[in-house]
PDB file of N, CA and C in Angstrom:
ATOM      1  N   CYS A   1      16.945-259.667 -52.875  1.00  0.00           N
ATOM      2  CA  CYS A   1      15.749-259.533 -52.049  1.00  0.00           C
ATOM      3  C   CYS A   1      14.525-260.150 -52.723  1.00  0.00           C
ATOM      4  N   HIS A   2      14.423-259.931 -54.037  1.00  0.00           N
ATOM      5  CA  HIS A   2      13.270-260.443 -54.776  1.00  0.00           C
ATOM      6  C   HIS A   2      13.528-261.835 -55.340  1.00  0.00           C
ATOM      7  N   GLY A   3      14.775-262.262 -55.381  1.00  0.00           N
ATOM      8  CA  GLY A   3      15.132-263.585 -55.861  1.00  0.00           C
ATOM      9  C   GLY A   3      15.020-263.729 -57.368  1.00  0.00           C
ATOM     10  N   LEU A   4      15.617-264.784 -57.888  1.00  0.00           N
ATOM     11  CA  LEU A   4      15.559-265.047 -59.324  1.00  0.00           C
ATOM     12  C   LEU A   4      14.138-265.329 -59.792  1.00  0.00           C
ATOM     13  N   ASP A   5      13.307-265.815 -58.873  1.00  0.00           N
ATOM     14  CA  ASP A   5      11.923-266.143 -59.241  1.00  0.00           C
ATOM     15  C   ASP A   5      10.969-264.975 -59.026  1.00  0.00           C
ATOM     16  N   GLY A   6      11.476-263.845 -58.535  1.00  0.00           N
ATOM     17  CA  GLY A   6      10.635-262.672 -58.326  1.00  0.00           C
ATOM     18  C   GLY A   6       9.745-262.757 -57.103  1.00  0.00           C
ATOM     19  N   LEU A   7       9.965-263.787 -56.291  1.00  0.00           N
ATOM     20  CA  LEU A   7       9.184-263.951 -55.065  1.00  0.00           C
ATOM     21  C   LEU A   7      10.045-263.500 -53.895  1.00  0.00           C
ATOM     22  N   SER A   8       9.544-262.563 -53.161  1.00  0.00           N
ATOM     23  CA  SER A   8      10.290-261.901 -52.102  1.00  0.00           C
ATOM     24  C   SER A   8      10.913-262.874 -51.113  1.00  0.00           C
ATOM     25  N   LYS A   9      12.128-262.565 -50.752  1.00  0.00           N
ATOM     26  CA  LYS A   9      12.839-263.353 -49.737  1.00  0.00           C
ATOM     27  C   LYS A   9      12.845-262.621 -48.392  1.00  0.00           C
ATOM     28  N   LEU A  10      12.405-261.368 -48.406  1.00  0.00           N
ATOM     29  CA  LEU A  10      12.368-260.556 -47.193  1.00  0.00           C
ATOM     30  C   LEU A  10      10.955-260.029 -46.967  1.00  0.00           C
ATOM     31  N   PRO A  11      10.539-259.887 -45.722  1.00  0.00           N
ATOM     32  CA  PRO A  11       9.172-259.429 -45.449  1.00  0.00           C
ATOM     33  C   PRO A  11       8.857-258.024 -45.969  1.00  0.00           C
ATOM     34  N   ASP A  12       9.866-257.163 -46.085  1.00  0.00           N
ATOM     35  CA  ASP A  12       9.623-255.794 -46.540  1.00  0.00           C
ATOM     36  C   ASP A  12       9.766-255.614 -48.045  1.00  0.00           C
ATOM     37  N   ALA A  13      10.141-256.668 -48.755  1.00  0.00           N
ATOM     38  CA  ALA A  13      10.311-256.585 -50.213  1.00  0.00           C
ATOM     39  C   ALA A  13       9.097-257.220 -50.893  1.00  0.00           C
ATOM     40  N   PRO A  14       8.504-256.527 -51.861  1.00  0.00           N
ATOM     41  CA  PRO A  14       7.327-257.087 -52.531  1.00  0.00           C
ATOM     42  C   PRO A  14       7.699-258.152 -53.556  1.00  0.00           C
ATOM     43  N   ASN A  15       6.745-259.003 -53.865  1.00  0.00           N
ATOM     44  CA  ASN A  15       6.904-259.936 -54.979  1.00  0.00           C
ATOM     45  C   ASN A  15       6.812-259.121 -56.265  1.00  0.00           C
ATOM     46  N   ILE A  16       7.699-259.392 -57.213  1.00  0.00           N
ATOM     47  CA  ILE A  16       7.669-258.643 -58.466  1.00  0.00           C
ATOM     48  C   ILE A  16       7.428-259.532 -59.676  1.00  0.00           C
ATOM     49  N   ALA A  17       7.402-260.835 -59.490  1.00  0.00           N
ATOM     50  CA  ALA A  17       7.162-261.757 -60.601  1.00  0.00           C
ATOM     51  C   ALA A  17       5.802-261.482 -61.220  1.00  0.00           C
ATOM     52  N   GLY A  18       5.765-261.414 -62.543  1.00  0.00           N
ATOM     53  CA  GLY A  18       4.508-261.251 -63.255  1.00  0.00           C
ATOM     54  C   GLY A  18       3.949-259.845 -63.284  1.00  0.00           C
ATOM     55  N   ASN A  19       4.641-258.884 -62.672  1.00  0.00           N
ATOM     56  CA  ASN A  19       4.178-257.498 -62.757  1.00  0.00           C
ATOM     57  C   ASN A  19       4.321-257.017 -64.198  1.00  0.00           C
ATOM     58  N   PRO A  20       3.479-256.092 -64.629  1.00  0.00           N
ATOM     59  CA  PRO A  20       3.582-255.582 -65.997  1.00  0.00           C
ATOM     60  C   PRO A  20       4.960-254.957 -66.249  1.00  0.00           C
ATOM     61  N   GLU A  21       5.497-255.223 -67.424  1.00  0.00           N
ATOM     62  CA  GLU A  21       6.831-254.735 -67.778  1.00  0.00           C
ATOM     63  C   GLU A  21       6.934-253.215 -67.651  1.00  0.00           C
ATOM     64  N   GLY A  22       5.933-252.496 -68.125  1.00  0.00           N
ATOM     65  CA  GLY A  22       5.943-251.034 -68.046  1.00  0.00           C
ATOM     66  C   GLY A  22       6.005-250.529 -66.619  1.00  0.00           C
ATOM     67  N   TYR A  23       5.297-251.200 -65.730  1.00  0.00           N
ATOM     68  CA  TYR A  23       5.315-250.820 -64.313  1.00  0.00           C
ATOM     69  C   TYR A  23       6.714-251.019 -63.729  1.00  0.00           C
ATOM     70  N   LEU A  24       7.338-252.145 -64.065  1.00  0.00           N
ATOM     71  CA  LEU A  24       8.672-252.425 -63.543  1.00  0.00           C
ATOM     72  C   LEU A  24       9.698-251.421 -64.069  1.00  0.00           C
ATOM     73  N   VAL A  25       9.605-251.077 -65.347  1.00  0.00           N
ATOM     74  CA  VAL A  25      10.505-250.074 -65.926  1.00  0.00           C
ATOM     75  C   VAL A  25      10.312-248.735 -65.210  1.00  0.00           C
ATOM     76  N   LYS A  26       9.062-248.339 -65.052  1.00  0.00           N
ATOM     77  CA  LYS A  26       8.765-247.062 -64.395  1.00  0.00           C
ATOM     78  C   LYS A  26       9.286-247.055 -62.957  1.00  0.00           C
ATOM     79  N   SER A  27       9.091-248.141 -62.244  1.00  0.00           N
ATOM     80  CA  SER A  27       9.552-248.222 -60.854  1.00  0.00           C
ATOM     81  C   SER A  27      11.067-248.161 -60.761  1.00  0.00           C
ATOM     82  N   LEU A  28      11.751-248.942 -61.596  1.00  0.00           N
ATOM     83  CA  LEU A  28      13.212-248.942 -61.561  1.00  0.00           C
ATOM     84  C   LEU A  28      13.776-247.575 -61.929  1.00  0.00           C
ATOM     85  N   ASN A  29      13.189-246.941 -62.927  1.00  0.00           N
ATOM     86  CA  ASN A  29      13.650-245.608 -63.314  1.00  0.00           C
ATOM     87  C   ASN A  29      13.399-244.581 -62.215  1.00  0.00           C
ATOM     88  N   ALA A  30      12.296-244.725 -61.503  1.00  0.00           N
ATOM     89  CA  ALA A  30      12.012-243.808 -60.393  1.00  0.00           C
ATOM     90  C   ALA A  30      13.046-243.975 -59.278  1.00  0.00           C
ATOM     91  N   PHE A  31      13.463-245.198 -59.014  1.00  0.00           N
ATOM     92  CA  PHE A  31      14.523-245.427 -58.026  1.00  0.00           C
ATOM     93  C   PHE A  31      15.840-244.850 -58.531  1.00  0.00           C
ATOM     94  N   ARG A  32      16.132-245.026 -59.822  1.00  0.00           N
ATOM     95  CA  ARG A  32      17.378-244.506 -60.397  1.00  0.00           C
ATOM     96  C   ARG A  32      17.463-242.989 -60.289  1.00  0.00           C
ATOM     97  N   LYS A  33      16.339-242.318 -60.499  1.00  0.00           N
ATOM     98  CA  LYS A  33      16.308-240.853 -60.502  1.00  0.00           C
ATOM     99  C   LYS A  33      16.128-240.260 -59.107  1.00  0.00           C
ATOM    100  N   GLY A  34      15.869-241.106 -58.115  1.00  0.00           N
ATOM    101  CA  GLY A  34      15.651-240.618 -56.756  1.00  0.00           C
ATOM    102  C   GLY A  34      14.234-240.146 -56.503  1.00  0.00           C
ATOM    103  N   GLU A  35      13.336-240.372 -57.465  1.00  0.00           N
ATOM    104  CA  GLU A  35      11.926-239.989 -57.296  1.00  0.00           C
ATOM    105  C   GLU A  35      11.210-240.937 -56.348  1.00  0.00           C
ATOM    106  N   ARG A  36      11.706-242.143 -56.258  1.00  0.00           N
ATOM    107  CA  ARG A  36      11.177-243.150 -55.354  1.00  0.00           C
ATOM    108  C   ARG A  36      12.348-243.604 -54.501  1.00  0.00           C
ATOM    109  N   LYS A  37      12.136-243.754 -53.204  1.00  0.00           N
ATOM    110  CA  LYS A  37      13.253-244.055 -52.315  1.00  0.00           C
ATOM    111  C   LYS A  37      13.023-245.319 -51.503  1.00  0.00           C
ATOM    112  N   ASN A  38      14.091-246.082 -51.395  1.00  0.00           N
ATOM    113  CA  ASN A  38      14.156-247.261 -50.553  1.00  0.00           C
ATOM    114  C   ASN A  38      15.640-247.491 -50.312  1.00  0.00           C
ATOM    115  N   ASP A  39      16.025-247.744 -49.074  1.00  0.00           N
ATOM    116  CA  ASP A  39      17.450-247.851 -48.754  1.00  0.00           C
ATOM    117  C   ASP A  39      18.188-248.813 -49.689  1.00  0.00           C
ATOM    118  N   MET A  40      17.647-249.982 -49.923  1.00  0.00           N
ATOM    119  CA  MET A  40      18.324-250.980 -50.757  1.00  0.00           C
ATOM    120  C   MET A  40      18.154-250.689 -52.248  1.00  0.00           C
ATOM    121  N   MET A  41      16.921-250.459 -52.672  1.00  0.00           N
ATOM    122  CA  MET A  41      16.664-250.271 -54.107  1.00  0.00           C
ATOM    123  C   MET A  41      17.333-249.025 -54.665  1.00  0.00           C
ATOM    124  N   SER A  42      17.400-247.975 -53.891  1.00  0.00           N
ATOM    125  CA  SER A  42      18.037-246.747 -54.362  1.00  0.00           C
ATOM    126  C   SER A  42      19.508-246.979 -54.672  1.00  0.00           C
ATOM    127  N   ILE A  43      20.178-247.754 -53.847  1.00  0.00           N
ATOM    128  CA  ILE A  43      21.594-248.062 -54.064  1.00  0.00           C
ATOM    129  C   ILE A  43      21.770-248.960 -55.282  1.00  0.00           C
ATOM    130  N   VAL A  44      20.957-249.999 -55.381  1.00  0.00           N
ATOM    131  CA  VAL A  44      21.076-250.957 -56.485  1.00  0.00           C
ATOM    132  C   VAL A  44      20.697-250.312 -57.819  1.00  0.00           C
ATOM    133  N   ALA A  45      19.603-249.589 -57.847  1.00  0.00           N
ATOM    134  CA  ALA A  45      19.071-249.050 -59.101  1.00  0.00           C
ATOM    135  C   ALA A  45      19.944-247.961 -59.708  1.00  0.00           C
ATOM    136  N   GLU A  46      20.637-247.189 -58.889  1.00  0.00           N
ATOM    137  CA  GLU A  46      21.426-246.080 -59.433  1.00  0.00           C
ATOM    138  C   GLU A  46      22.532-246.551 -60.370  1.00  0.00           C
ATOM    139  N   LYS A  47      22.948-247.795 -60.253  1.00  0.00           N
ATOM    140  CA  LYS A  47      24.020-248.338 -61.079  1.00  0.00           C
ATOM    141  C   LYS A  47      23.509-249.000 -62.360  1.00  0.00           C
ATOM    142  N   LEU A  48      22.192-249.124 -62.496  1.00  0.00           N
ATOM    143  CA  LEU A  48      21.623-249.806 -63.658  1.00  0.00           C
ATOM    144  C   LEU A  48      21.664-248.924 -64.904  1.00  0.00           C
ATOM    145  N   THR A  49      21.928-249.559 -66.038  1.00  0.00           N
ATOM    146  CA  THR A  49      21.848-248.857 -67.322  1.00  0.00           C
ATOM    147  C   THR A  49      20.422-248.968 -67.841  1.00  0.00           C
ATOM    148  N   ASP A  50      20.119-248.231 -68.897  1.00  0.00           N
ATOM    149  CA  ASP A  50      18.797-248.345 -69.524  1.00  0.00           C
ATOM    150  C   ASP A  50      18.558-249.778 -69.987  1.00  0.00           C
ATOM    151  N   GLN A  51      19.592-250.412 -70.515  1.00  0.00           N
ATOM    152  CA  GLN A  51      19.450-251.800 -70.987  1.00  0.00           C
ATOM    153  C   GLN A  51      19.220-252.751 -69.822  1.00  0.00           C
ATOM    154  N   ASP A  52      19.908-252.524 -68.695  1.00  0.00           N
ATOM    155  CA  ASP A  52      19.685-253.335 -67.495  1.00  0.00           C
ATOM    156  C   ASP A  52      18.228-253.248 -67.053  1.00  0.00           C
ATOM    157  N   VAL A  53      17.697-252.042 -67.028  1.00  0.00           N
ATOM    158  CA  VAL A  53      16.306-251.822 -66.612  1.00  0.00           C
ATOM    159  C   VAL A  53      15.364-252.570 -67.548  1.00  0.00           C
ATOM    160  N   ALA A  54      15.580-252.438 -68.844  1.00  0.00           N
ATOM    161  CA  ALA A  54      14.726-253.120 -69.834  1.00  0.00           C
ATOM    162  C   ALA A  54      14.810-254.636 -69.668  1.00  0.00           C
ATOM    163  N   ASP A  55      16.016-255.148 -69.492  1.00  0.00           N
ATOM    164  CA  ASP A  55      16.208-256.594 -69.347  1.00  0.00           C
ATOM    165  C   ASP A  55      15.568-257.126 -68.067  1.00  0.00           C
ATOM    166  N   LEU A  56      15.778-256.432 -66.963  1.00  0.00           N
ATOM    167  CA  LEU A  56      15.189-256.871 -65.695  1.00  0.00           C
ATOM    168  C   LEU A  56      13.666-256.840 -65.749  1.00  0.00           C
ATOM    169  N   ALA A  57      13.122-255.772 -66.298  1.00  0.00           N
ATOM    170  CA  ALA A  57      11.662-255.655 -66.388  1.00  0.00           C
ATOM    171  C   ALA A  57      11.079-256.762 -67.257  1.00  0.00           C
ATOM    172  N   ALA A  58      11.716-257.042 -68.383  1.00  0.00           N
ATOM    173  CA  ALA A  58      11.232-258.104 -69.275  1.00  0.00           C
ATOM    174  C   ALA A  58      11.320-259.463 -68.587  1.00  0.00           C
ATOM    175  N   TYR A  59      12.407-259.701 -67.892  1.00  0.00           N
ATOM    176  CA  TYR A  59      12.601-260.983 -67.213  1.00  0.00           C
ATOM    177  C   TYR A  59      11.528-261.223 -66.154  1.00  0.00           C
ATOM    178  N   TYR A  60      11.364-260.272 -65.243  1.00  0.00           N
ATOM    179  CA  TYR A  60      10.405-260.471 -64.160  1.00  0.00           C
ATOM    180  C   TYR A  60       8.957-260.434 -64.643  1.00  0.00           C
ATOM    181  N   ALA A  61       8.678-259.667 -65.670  1.00  0.00           N
ATOM    182  CA  ALA A  61       7.314-259.623 -66.215  1.00  0.00           C
ATOM    183  C   ALA A  61       6.937-260.951 -66.854  1.00  0.00           C
ATOM    184  N   ALA A  62       7.927-261.666 -67.383  1.00  0.00           N
ATOM    185  CA  ALA A  62       7.657-262.924 -68.083  1.00  0.00           C
ATOM    186  C   ALA A  62       7.409-264.103 -67.142  1.00  0.00           C
ATOM    187  N   ILE A  63       7.698-263.939 -65.876  1.00  0.00           N
ATOM    188  CA  ILE A  63       7.505-265.031 -64.924  1.00  0.00           C
ATOM    189  C   ILE A  63       6.025-265.178 -64.625  1.00  0.00           C
ATOM    190  N   GLU A  64       5.523-266.365 -64.853  1.00  0.00           N
ATOM    191  CA  GLU A  64       4.115-266.639 -64.566  1.00  0.00           C
ATOM    192  C   GLU A  64       3.995-267.218 -63.166  1.00  0.00           C
ATOM    193  N   GLY A  65       3.034-266.739 -62.449  1.00  0.00           N
ATOM    194  CA  GLY A  65       2.830-267.224 -61.093  1.00  0.00           C
ATOM    195  C   GLY A  65       1.439-267.802 -60.920  1.00  0.00           C
ATOM    196  N   THR A  66       1.284-268.517 -59.877  1.00  0.00           N
ATOM    197  CA  THR A  66      -0.031-269.040 -59.522  1.00  0.00           C
ATOM    198  C   THR A  66      -0.375-268.536 -58.128  1.00  0.00           C
ATOM    199  N   VAL A  67      -1.639-268.370 -57.917  1.00  0.00           N
ATOM    200  CA  VAL A  67      -2.112-267.907 -56.609  1.00  0.00           C
ATOM    201  C   VAL A  67      -2.812-269.065 -55.943  1.00  0.00           C
ATOM    202  N   LYS A  68      -2.430-269.312 -54.723  1.00  0.00           N
ATOM    203  CA  LYS A  68      -3.056-270.373 -53.949  1.00  0.00           C
ATOM    204  C   LYS A  68      -3.924-269.721 -52.882  1.00  0.00           C
ATOM    205  N   LEU A  69      -5.196-269.990 -52.909  1.00  0.00           N
ATOM    206  CA  LEU A  69      -6.121-269.412 -51.931  1.00  0.00           C
ATOM    207  C   LEU A  69      -5.972-270.101 -50.591  1.00  0.00           C
ATOM    208  N   PRO A  70      -6.073-269.347 -49.518  1.00  0.00           N
ATOM    209  CA  PRO A  70      -5.979-269.959 -48.182  1.00  0.00           C
ATOM    210  C   PRO A  70      -7.125-270.922 -47.948  1.00  0.00           C
ATOM    211  N   GLN A  71      -6.828-271.966 -47.254  1.00  0.00           N
ATOM    212  CA  GLN A  71      -7.852-272.947 -46.917  1.00  0.00           C
ATOM    213  C   GLN A  71      -8.553-272.541 -45.621  1.00  0.00           C
ATOM    214  N   PRO A  72      -9.878-272.656 -45.603  1.00  0.00           N
ATOM    215  CA  PRO A  72     -10.613-272.258 -44.380  1.00  0.00           C
ATOM    216  C   PRO A  72     -10.326-273.157 -43.198  1.00  0.00           C
TER     217      PRO A  72
END
């Protein structure tokens, strides 16, 4: 849903590229524990190990993005 580049492929999935690593770890752990719910993420996250969470958070946090302002 978020793609290898962390840019959402679905309208209901947020972009996660460049988010702070701590935020991503906290979010993934909340999905794993059932504290945060989403039909897709809850299923995917429950199978992740602590190392998976750390690796995914580091990967997506390291992606640098650029913002393009809309043209008037």
